[in-house]
Amino acid sequence: MDIRNFLFKYRSYTPIPIGIMIVYFARQDSALLLIGVPFLLLGESIRVWAVSYAGGETRTRRVGAPALCSSGPFAFVRNPLYLGNMFMYLGIVFIAGSANIWLMVATTLAFFLVQYSLIVSLEEETLGAIFGQEYEEYRSNVPAIFPRLSRWDTRDKRKPASMLKTIKTEKRTLQNVIFILLLIFLRTQALS
């Protein structure tokens, strides 16, 4: 089995060990909280924006897409959901705090960079096979993780879904964030 398929299929669960580590080493610090909350909000905002364009297809366990989404945030970066996830997890790391915060930040970033680079390579291979030249043009104009400064002029003119529909699609992520924040709170209260 290709490890990339495994990581893609179980990408909602593979961060659980990182989450456990963040909670276990949590040592809340109000200065770090002031850094973490904006990171968390930025990450979730990016995710909501991306989901409003890509819809429920972002929840699939099979690599592929019914259509190439290159509008909204996808006109700036090919993987806005992964970028949003990294910001969210960095926010959670800072909110949790740690005796060695920079080691925790480095570990979290390393985990996601390795996982997402493997997943992205699989997605690009698959999307290239499905969409051919259209995907290659998109890929050559829009970076994978570090966004462009200006929007790419795409032929994809789709409009974002309503906020209610987007939040319904994003519900599981929001529940997970609330759950890990609750665990961090309980852990830091137990230590005080």
Protein backbone atom coordinates (compact mmCIF):
# COMPACT_ATOMS: atom_id res chain seq x y z
CA MET A 1 0.00 0.00 0.00
CA ASP A 2 1.22 3.46 -0.90
CA ILE A 3 1.83 5.42 2.34
CA ARG A 4 0.43 8.50 0.60
CA ASN A 5 -2.96 6.79 0.17
CA PHE A 6 -2.95 5.82 3.84
CA LEU A 7 -2.10 9.37 4.94
CA PHE A 8 -4.76 10.84 2.65
CA LYS A 9 -7.46 8.40 3.71
CA TYR A 10 -6.77 8.86 7.43
CA ARG A 11 -5.64 12.52 7.40
CA SER A 12 -8.33 13.40 9.95
CA TYR A 13 -6.87 10.88 12.40
CA THR A 14 -3.10 11.01 11.83
CA PRO A 15 -2.71 14.26 13.85
CA ILE A 16 -4.14 12.58 16.99
CA PRO A 17 -0.65 11.74 18.38
CA ILE A 18 0.42 15.37 17.88
CA GLY A 19 -2.78 16.50 19.62
CA ILE A 20 -2.09 14.16 22.55
CA MET A 21 1.47 15.49 22.77
CA ILE A 22 0.23 19.10 22.75
CA VAL A 23 -2.25 18.37 25.56
CA TYR A 24 0.24 16.33 27.61
CA PHE A 25 2.91 19.07 27.56
CA ALA A 26 0.44 21.96 27.94
CA ARG A 27 1.63 24.69 30.29
CA GLN A 28 -0.62 27.65 29.61
CA ASP A 29 1.04 31.04 29.34
CA SER A 30 -1.08 34.15 28.72
CA ALA A 31 1.54 35.74 26.47
CA LEU A 32 1.48 32.65 24.24
CA LEU A 33 -2.32 32.65 24.33
CA LEU A 34 -2.22 36.10 22.68
CA ILE A 35 -0.18 34.59 19.84
CA GLY A 36 -2.18 31.37 19.59
CA VAL A 37 -5.70 32.76 19.28
CA PRO A 38 -4.95 34.84 16.14
CA PHE A 39 -3.18 31.86 14.53
CA LEU A 40 -6.15 29.61 15.31
CA LEU A 41 -8.65 32.15 13.97
CA LEU A 42 -6.58 32.77 10.84
CA GLY A 43 -6.34 29.04 10.16
CA GLU A 44 -10.05 28.45 10.62
CA SER A 45 -10.88 31.50 8.47
CA ILE A 46 -8.74 30.11 5.65
CA ARG A 47 -10.47 26.74 6.02
CA VAL A 48 -13.97 28.27 5.99
CA TRP A 49 -13.10 30.31 2.91
CA ALA A 50 -11.73 27.21 1.14
CA VAL A 51 -14.65 24.97 2.12
CA SER A 52 -17.11 27.60 0.89
CA TYR A 53 -15.63 27.09 -2.60
CA ALA A 54 -14.70 23.39 -2.58
CA GLY A 55 -17.67 22.15 -0.56
CA GLY A 56 -18.14 18.66 0.85
CA GLU A 57 -15.63 17.18 -1.62
CA THR A 58 -12.99 18.18 0.94
CA ARG A 59 -14.26 15.41 3.26
CA THR A 60 -13.71 12.54 0.85
CA ARG A 61 -11.45 9.60 1.62
CA ARG A 62 -10.65 9.00 -2.07
CA VAL A 63 -8.24 11.20 -3.99
CA GLY A 64 -9.86 13.04 -6.88
CA ALA A 65 -12.40 15.74 -7.63
CA PRO A 66 -15.50 16.11 -9.80
CA ALA A 67 -14.17 19.48 -11.04
CA LEU A 68 -10.97 21.46 -10.63
CA CYS A 69 -11.56 24.18 -8.03
CA SER A 70 -9.29 27.14 -8.74
CA SER A 71 -11.39 30.07 -7.53
CA GLY A 72 -11.57 31.80 -4.14
CA PRO A 73 -8.54 30.88 -2.01
CA PHE A 74 -7.58 28.23 -4.57
CA ALA A 75 -6.60 31.10 -6.90
CA PHE A 76 -3.88 32.05 -4.37
CA VAL A 77 -2.68 28.65 -3.14
CA ARG A 78 -3.41 25.09 -4.30
CA ASN A 79 -3.83 23.69 -0.79
CA PRO A 80 -5.58 26.30 1.37
CA LEU A 81 -7.10 23.66 3.65
CA TYR A 82 -3.68 22.30 4.55
CA LEU A 83 -2.33 25.83 5.03
CA GLY A 84 -5.31 26.58 7.29
CA ASN A 85 -4.71 23.37 9.25
CA MET A 86 -1.08 24.30 9.87
CA PHE A 87 -2.05 27.76 11.16
CA MET A 88 -4.74 26.19 13.36
CA TYR A 89 -2.37 23.66 14.88
CA LEU A 90 0.26 26.33 15.48
CA GLY A 91 -2.42 28.35 17.22
CA ILE A 92 -3.36 25.35 19.35
CA VAL A 93 0.32 24.79 20.24
CA PHE A 94 0.66 28.41 21.40
CA ILE A 95 -2.68 28.33 23.25
CA ALA A 96 -1.58 25.17 25.07
CA GLY A 97 1.87 26.51 25.82
CA SER A 98 4.76 24.26 26.76
CA ALA A 99 7.94 24.32 28.81
CA ASN A 100 9.76 24.15 25.46
CA ILE A 101 7.37 25.91 23.11
CA TRP A 102 9.80 26.11 20.17
CA LEU A 103 10.42 22.36 20.21
CA MET A 104 6.65 21.83 20.21
CA VAL A 105 6.22 24.29 17.31
CA ALA A 106 9.04 22.62 15.33
CA THR A 107 7.66 19.11 15.97
CA THR A 108 4.14 20.13 14.92
CA LEU A 109 5.34 21.90 11.76
CA ALA A 110 7.64 19.01 10.84
CA PHE A 111 4.79 16.52 11.21
CA PHE A 112 2.44 18.49 8.97
CA LEU A 113 5.08 19.38 6.39
CA VAL A 114 6.03 15.71 5.96
CA GLN A 115 2.42 14.48 5.92
CA TYR A 116 1.16 17.19 3.58
CA SER A 117 4.09 16.92 1.18
CA LEU A 118 3.31 13.21 0.77
CA ILE A 119 -0.44 13.80 0.42
CA VAL A 120 0.05 16.70 -2.01
CA SER A 121 2.31 14.58 -4.22
CA LEU A 122 -0.46 11.95 -4.46
CA GLU A 123 -3.17 14.56 -5.08
CA GLU A 124 -1.12 16.26 -7.80
CA GLU A 125 -0.43 12.95 -9.52
CA THR A 126 -4.14 12.11 -9.46
CA LEU A 127 -5.43 15.55 -10.44
CA GLY A 128 -2.89 15.70 -13.27
CA ALA A 129 -4.22 12.38 -14.58
CA ILE A 130 -7.85 13.54 -14.29
CA PHE A 131 -7.58 17.12 -15.56
CA GLY A 132 -4.44 16.96 -17.71
CA GLN A 133 -3.32 20.27 -19.21
CA GLU A 134 -5.88 22.27 -17.22
CA TYR A 135 -4.30 21.08 -13.97
CA GLU A 136 -0.74 21.57 -15.25
CA GLU A 137 -1.54 25.20 -16.12
CA TYR A 138 -3.06 25.70 -12.67
CA ARG A 139 -0.10 23.99 -11.00
CA SER A 140 2.42 26.13 -12.86
CA ASN A 141 0.65 29.35 -11.84
CA VAL A 142 -0.46 28.72 -8.25
CA PRO A 143 1.95 27.61 -5.50
CA ALA A 144 1.25 24.54 -3.34
CA ILE A 145 1.55 26.00 0.18
CA PHE A 146 2.97 29.54 0.19
CA PRO A 147 0.27 31.76 -1.39
CA ARG A 148 0.67 34.11 -4.32
CA LEU A 149 0.34 37.80 -3.52
CA SER A 150 -2.20 38.34 -6.28
CA ARG A 151 -5.13 36.18 -7.35
CA TRP A 152 -4.51 33.96 -10.36
CA ASP A 153 -6.92 34.77 -13.18
CA THR A 154 -8.77 31.48 -13.37
CA ARG A 155 -11.54 30.32 -15.67
CA ASP A 156 -13.29 28.79 -12.66
CA LYS A 157 -16.05 31.27 -11.84
CA ARG A 158 -17.81 29.34 -9.09
CA LYS A 159 -19.30 31.31 -6.23
CA PRO A 160 -18.91 30.46 -2.55
CA ALA A 161 -21.60 28.46 -0.79
CA SER A 162 -23.71 30.12 1.88
CA MET A 163 -22.17 30.49 5.32
CA LEU A 164 -24.73 28.06 6.78
CA LYS A 165 -23.86 25.34 4.24
CA THR A 166 -20.13 26.00 4.75
CA ILE A 167 -20.40 25.74 8.54
CA LYS A 168 -22.33 22.46 8.19
CA THR A 169 -19.49 21.08 6.07
CA GLU A 170 -16.88 22.43 8.50
CA LYS A 171 -18.77 21.22 11.60
CA ARG A 172 -16.45 18.30 12.38
CA THR A 173 -13.33 20.48 12.31
CA LEU A 174 -14.98 23.01 14.63
CA GLN A 175 -16.00 20.23 17.02
CA ASN A 176 -12.45 18.88 17.06
CA VAL A 177 -11.00 22.31 17.81
CA ILE A 178 -13.42 22.82 20.69
CA PHE A 179 -12.60 19.33 22.00
CA ILE A 180 -8.82 19.85 21.99
CA LEU A 181 -9.18 23.31 23.56
CA LEU A 182 -11.32 21.75 26.30
CA LEU A 183 -8.66 19.07 26.90
CA ILE A 184 -5.96 21.77 27.08
CA PHE A 185 -8.06 23.72 29.57
CA LEU A 186 -8.64 20.63 31.73
CA ARG A 187 -4.96 19.69 31.58
CA THR A 188 -3.72 23.14 32.57
CA GLN A 189 -6.32 23.36 35.38
CA ALA A 190 -5.16 20.01 36.71
CA LEU A 191 -1.61 21.34 36.87
CA SER A 192 -2.51 24.47 38.83
